N, C-alpha and C. Protein backbone atom coordinates (compact mmCIF):
# COMPACT_ATOMS: atom_id res chain seq x y z
N MET A 1 5.45 -9.81 -10.67
CA MET A 1 6.02 -8.62 -11.28
C MET A 1 6.68 -7.80 -10.17
N ASN A 2 7.94 -7.45 -10.36
CA ASN A 2 8.62 -6.62 -9.38
C ASN A 2 8.60 -5.15 -9.83
N LYS A 3 9.25 -4.28 -9.06
CA LYS A 3 9.23 -2.84 -9.35
C LYS A 3 9.81 -2.54 -10.73
N THR A 4 10.95 -3.14 -11.06
CA THR A 4 11.60 -2.88 -12.35
C THR A 4 10.71 -3.32 -13.51
N GLU A 5 10.11 -4.49 -13.39
CA GLU A 5 9.23 -4.98 -14.45
C GLU A 5 7.99 -4.10 -14.58
N PHE A 6 7.47 -3.64 -13.44
CA PHE A 6 6.31 -2.76 -13.45
C PHE A 6 6.63 -1.44 -14.15
N ILE A 7 7.77 -0.85 -13.81
CA ILE A 7 8.18 0.42 -14.42
C ILE A 7 8.36 0.25 -15.92
N LYS A 8 8.95 -0.85 -16.35
CA LYS A 8 9.15 -1.11 -17.78
C LYS A 8 7.80 -1.25 -18.49
N ALA A 9 6.86 -1.98 -17.89
CA ALA A 9 5.55 -2.18 -18.50
C ALA A 9 4.79 -0.86 -18.63
N VAL A 10 4.84 -0.03 -17.59
CA VAL A 10 4.17 1.27 -17.65
C VAL A 10 4.85 2.16 -18.68
N SER A 11 6.16 2.11 -18.74
CA SER A 11 6.92 2.90 -19.72
C SER A 11 6.53 2.52 -21.15
N ASP A 12 6.45 1.22 -21.41
CA ASP A 12 6.07 0.75 -22.74
C ASP A 12 4.64 1.18 -23.09
N LYS A 13 3.74 1.07 -22.14
CA LYS A 13 2.33 1.39 -22.38
C LYS A 13 2.12 2.89 -22.57
N ALA A 14 2.83 3.72 -21.80
CA ALA A 14 2.63 5.17 -21.83
C ALA A 14 3.53 5.88 -22.84
N GLY A 15 4.57 5.20 -23.30
CA GLY A 15 5.49 5.84 -24.23
C GLY A 15 6.36 6.88 -23.56
N ILE A 16 6.68 6.67 -22.30
CA ILE A 16 7.51 7.57 -21.51
C ILE A 16 8.74 6.79 -21.06
N THR A 17 9.85 7.47 -20.87
CA THR A 17 11.07 6.76 -20.49
C THR A 17 10.93 6.10 -19.13
N GLN A 18 11.68 5.01 -18.94
CA GLN A 18 11.65 4.30 -17.67
C GLN A 18 12.15 5.18 -16.53
N LYS A 19 13.12 6.05 -16.83
CA LYS A 19 13.66 6.94 -15.81
C LYS A 19 12.57 7.89 -15.30
N ASP A 20 11.76 8.43 -16.23
CA ASP A 20 10.68 9.34 -15.83
C ASP A 20 9.61 8.60 -15.04
N ILE A 21 9.29 7.39 -15.46
CA ILE A 21 8.29 6.59 -14.74
C ILE A 21 8.79 6.26 -13.34
N ALA A 22 10.08 5.96 -13.19
CA ALA A 22 10.65 5.66 -11.88
C ALA A 22 10.54 6.86 -10.95
N VAL A 23 10.77 8.06 -11.48
CA VAL A 23 10.64 9.28 -10.67
C VAL A 23 9.19 9.47 -10.22
N VAL A 24 8.26 9.25 -11.13
CA VAL A 24 6.84 9.39 -10.80
C VAL A 24 6.43 8.33 -9.78
N TYR A 25 6.89 7.11 -9.96
CA TYR A 25 6.59 6.00 -9.04
C TYR A 25 7.04 6.36 -7.63
N ASP A 26 8.28 6.80 -7.50
CA ASP A 26 8.81 7.17 -6.19
C ASP A 26 8.05 8.36 -5.58
N ALA A 27 7.67 9.33 -6.43
CA ALA A 27 6.92 10.49 -5.95
C ALA A 27 5.54 10.08 -5.44
N ILE A 28 4.89 9.15 -6.14
CA ILE A 28 3.58 8.67 -5.70
C ILE A 28 3.68 8.00 -4.34
N LEU A 29 4.69 7.16 -4.17
CA LEU A 29 4.88 6.49 -2.87
C LEU A 29 5.15 7.49 -1.76
N ASP A 30 5.97 8.51 -2.04
CA ASP A 30 6.29 9.52 -1.03
C ASP A 30 5.05 10.32 -0.63
N VAL A 31 4.27 10.76 -1.62
CA VAL A 31 3.06 11.54 -1.35
C VAL A 31 2.05 10.70 -0.58
N ALA A 32 1.87 9.45 -0.98
CA ALA A 32 0.93 8.57 -0.29
C ALA A 32 1.36 8.34 1.17
N THR A 33 2.64 8.11 1.38
CA THR A 33 3.15 7.89 2.73
C THR A 33 2.93 9.12 3.61
N GLU A 34 3.24 10.30 3.09
CA GLU A 34 3.06 11.53 3.85
C GLU A 34 1.59 11.76 4.20
N ALA A 35 0.70 11.52 3.23
CA ALA A 35 -0.73 11.73 3.46
C ALA A 35 -1.26 10.75 4.51
N LEU A 36 -0.85 9.49 4.42
CA LEU A 36 -1.32 8.49 5.38
C LEU A 36 -0.79 8.76 6.78
N LYS A 37 0.45 9.26 6.87
CA LYS A 37 1.00 9.61 8.18
C LYS A 37 0.21 10.74 8.83
N LYS A 38 -0.35 11.64 8.02
CA LYS A 38 -1.15 12.75 8.53
C LYS A 38 -2.56 12.29 8.89
N GLY A 39 -2.90 11.04 8.58
CA GLY A 39 -4.22 10.53 8.89
C GLY A 39 -5.23 10.72 7.78
N GLU A 40 -4.76 11.11 6.61
CA GLU A 40 -5.66 11.31 5.47
C GLU A 40 -5.94 9.99 4.77
N LYS A 41 -7.12 9.89 4.19
CA LYS A 41 -7.50 8.73 3.40
C LYS A 41 -7.29 9.09 1.93
N ILE A 42 -6.78 8.17 1.13
CA ILE A 42 -6.56 8.43 -0.28
C ILE A 42 -7.53 7.57 -1.09
N GLN A 43 -8.43 8.23 -1.81
CA GLN A 43 -9.41 7.53 -2.63
C GLN A 43 -9.02 7.65 -4.09
N LEU A 44 -8.73 6.53 -4.70
CA LEU A 44 -8.36 6.49 -6.10
C LEU A 44 -9.55 5.92 -6.87
N VAL A 45 -10.32 6.81 -7.50
CA VAL A 45 -11.54 6.40 -8.20
C VAL A 45 -11.19 5.39 -9.28
N GLY A 46 -11.91 4.31 -9.31
CA GLY A 46 -11.68 3.25 -10.28
C GLY A 46 -10.70 2.20 -9.80
N LEU A 47 -10.04 2.43 -8.65
CA LEU A 47 -9.07 1.46 -8.14
C LEU A 47 -9.41 1.06 -6.71
N GLY A 48 -9.37 2.00 -5.77
CA GLY A 48 -9.66 1.66 -4.39
C GLY A 48 -9.27 2.77 -3.43
N THR A 49 -9.14 2.40 -2.15
CA THR A 49 -8.88 3.37 -1.09
C THR A 49 -7.71 2.92 -0.22
N LEU A 50 -6.78 3.85 0.01
CA LEU A 50 -5.67 3.64 0.94
C LEU A 50 -6.04 4.33 2.25
N ASP A 51 -5.81 3.64 3.34
CA ASP A 51 -6.15 4.21 4.65
C ASP A 51 -5.20 3.63 5.69
N VAL A 52 -5.25 4.17 6.90
CA VAL A 52 -4.45 3.64 8.00
C VAL A 52 -5.40 3.07 9.04
N LYS A 53 -5.15 1.84 9.43
CA LYS A 53 -5.97 1.17 10.45
C LYS A 53 -5.19 1.16 11.75
N LYS A 54 -5.84 1.56 12.84
CA LYS A 54 -5.19 1.53 14.15
C LYS A 54 -5.39 0.14 14.75
N VAL A 55 -4.30 -0.55 14.98
CA VAL A 55 -4.35 -1.89 15.56
C VAL A 55 -4.06 -1.77 17.05
N PRO A 56 -5.00 -2.20 17.89
CA PRO A 56 -4.80 -2.07 19.33
C PRO A 56 -3.72 -3.03 19.85
N ALA A 57 -3.20 -2.71 21.02
CA ALA A 57 -2.22 -3.59 21.67
C ALA A 57 -2.90 -4.91 22.01
N LYS A 58 -2.12 -5.98 21.99
CA LYS A 58 -2.68 -7.29 22.32
C LYS A 58 -1.59 -8.18 22.90
N THR A 59 -2.02 -9.32 23.40
CA THR A 59 -1.09 -10.28 23.94
C THR A 59 -1.01 -11.46 22.98
N GLY A 60 0.20 -11.80 22.55
CA GLY A 60 0.40 -12.93 21.68
C GLY A 60 1.19 -14.01 22.39
N ILE A 61 1.47 -15.09 21.68
CA ILE A 61 2.23 -16.19 22.26
C ILE A 61 3.44 -16.46 21.38
N ASN A 62 4.62 -16.49 22.01
CA ASN A 62 5.84 -16.84 21.29
C ASN A 62 5.76 -18.34 21.00
N PRO A 63 5.74 -18.73 19.71
CA PRO A 63 5.57 -20.15 19.39
C PRO A 63 6.74 -21.02 19.84
N ARG A 64 7.90 -20.42 19.98
CA ARG A 64 9.08 -21.19 20.37
C ARG A 64 9.09 -21.48 21.88
N THR A 65 8.77 -20.46 22.68
CA THR A 65 8.84 -20.61 24.14
C THR A 65 7.47 -20.80 24.79
N LYS A 66 6.41 -20.57 24.05
CA LYS A 66 5.03 -20.66 24.55
C LYS A 66 4.72 -19.64 25.63
N GLN A 67 5.54 -18.59 25.73
CA GLN A 67 5.31 -17.54 26.72
C GLN A 67 4.48 -16.42 26.11
N ALA A 68 3.70 -15.76 26.95
CA ALA A 68 2.90 -14.62 26.51
C ALA A 68 3.82 -13.44 26.22
N VAL A 69 3.52 -12.74 25.14
CA VAL A 69 4.32 -11.59 24.72
C VAL A 69 3.37 -10.43 24.45
N LYS A 70 3.69 -9.25 24.99
CA LYS A 70 2.87 -8.08 24.71
C LYS A 70 3.24 -7.51 23.34
N ILE A 71 2.24 -7.33 22.50
CA ILE A 71 2.44 -6.74 21.18
C ILE A 71 1.88 -5.33 21.25
N PRO A 72 2.72 -4.30 21.01
CA PRO A 72 2.25 -2.92 21.16
C PRO A 72 1.26 -2.52 20.05
N ALA A 73 0.49 -1.49 20.35
CA ALA A 73 -0.43 -0.93 19.36
C ALA A 73 0.38 -0.33 18.21
N CYS A 74 -0.20 -0.33 17.03
CA CYS A 74 0.50 0.25 15.87
C CYS A 74 -0.51 0.71 14.83
N ASN A 75 -0.02 1.45 13.89
CA ASN A 75 -0.81 1.88 12.75
C ASN A 75 -0.40 1.03 11.56
N LYS A 76 -1.41 0.52 10.82
CA LYS A 76 -1.15 -0.39 9.72
C LYS A 76 -1.78 0.16 8.46
N PRO A 77 -1.00 0.34 7.39
CA PRO A 77 -1.59 0.80 6.14
C PRO A 77 -2.43 -0.32 5.52
N VAL A 78 -3.60 0.03 5.00
CA VAL A 78 -4.47 -0.95 4.37
C VAL A 78 -4.96 -0.41 3.02
N PHE A 79 -5.23 -1.31 2.10
CA PHE A 79 -5.77 -0.94 0.80
C PHE A 79 -7.00 -1.78 0.54
N LYS A 80 -8.09 -1.13 0.16
CA LYS A 80 -9.31 -1.84 -0.16
C LYS A 80 -9.67 -1.53 -1.61
N PHE A 81 -9.74 -2.59 -2.42
CA PHE A 81 -10.11 -2.41 -3.81
C PHE A 81 -11.57 -2.01 -3.92
N GLY A 82 -11.87 -1.12 -4.86
CA GLY A 82 -13.25 -0.68 -5.08
C GLY A 82 -14.03 -1.70 -5.91
N ASP A 83 -15.34 -1.60 -5.84
CA ASP A 83 -16.21 -2.53 -6.58
C ASP A 83 -16.00 -2.45 -8.08
N ALA A 84 -15.76 -1.24 -8.61
CA ALA A 84 -15.57 -1.08 -10.05
C ALA A 84 -14.32 -1.83 -10.51
N TYR A 85 -13.27 -1.79 -9.70
CA TYR A 85 -12.03 -2.49 -10.07
C TYR A 85 -12.22 -4.00 -9.95
N LYS A 86 -12.89 -4.44 -8.89
CA LYS A 86 -13.14 -5.87 -8.69
C LYS A 86 -13.96 -6.44 -9.85
N ALA A 87 -14.88 -5.64 -10.37
CA ALA A 87 -15.75 -6.10 -11.46
C ALA A 87 -14.96 -6.40 -12.74
N ARG A 88 -13.80 -5.83 -12.90
CA ARG A 88 -12.98 -6.11 -14.09
C ARG A 88 -12.50 -7.56 -14.16
N PHE A 89 -12.51 -8.26 -13.05
CA PHE A 89 -12.00 -9.61 -12.99
C PHE A 89 -13.09 -10.66 -13.10
N ASN A 90 -14.33 -10.26 -13.11
CA ASN A 90 -15.44 -11.22 -13.18
C ASN A 90 -16.30 -10.99 -14.40
C-alpha cells in the first residue's frame, strides 16, 4: 500500500475527503519530525513508540574496493510496535 492508497482507505473508513486526510497525514509527519529532531519520544498508545537512536561512528568496508571506510555517527529514527498492537496479529 502506498501513500495514495493509504489516504484513500482512511478517507473511505472515516468518511472524510481525501484532500483533508492528505493535509492531516502531512501535518502528522511534520509534527513527528519536529518532535524527534528536538529529542522527544512519541508514544502512541495502542500502536507503539517513535524515537531517535544515536548510531555511533564506525568503520565499514567498501564491498567493491575492499578498503576500510569511516562511517560517521548519525541519528536514526526508529519505531517499536507496542505489545497491544502486536497481539492483534496473533
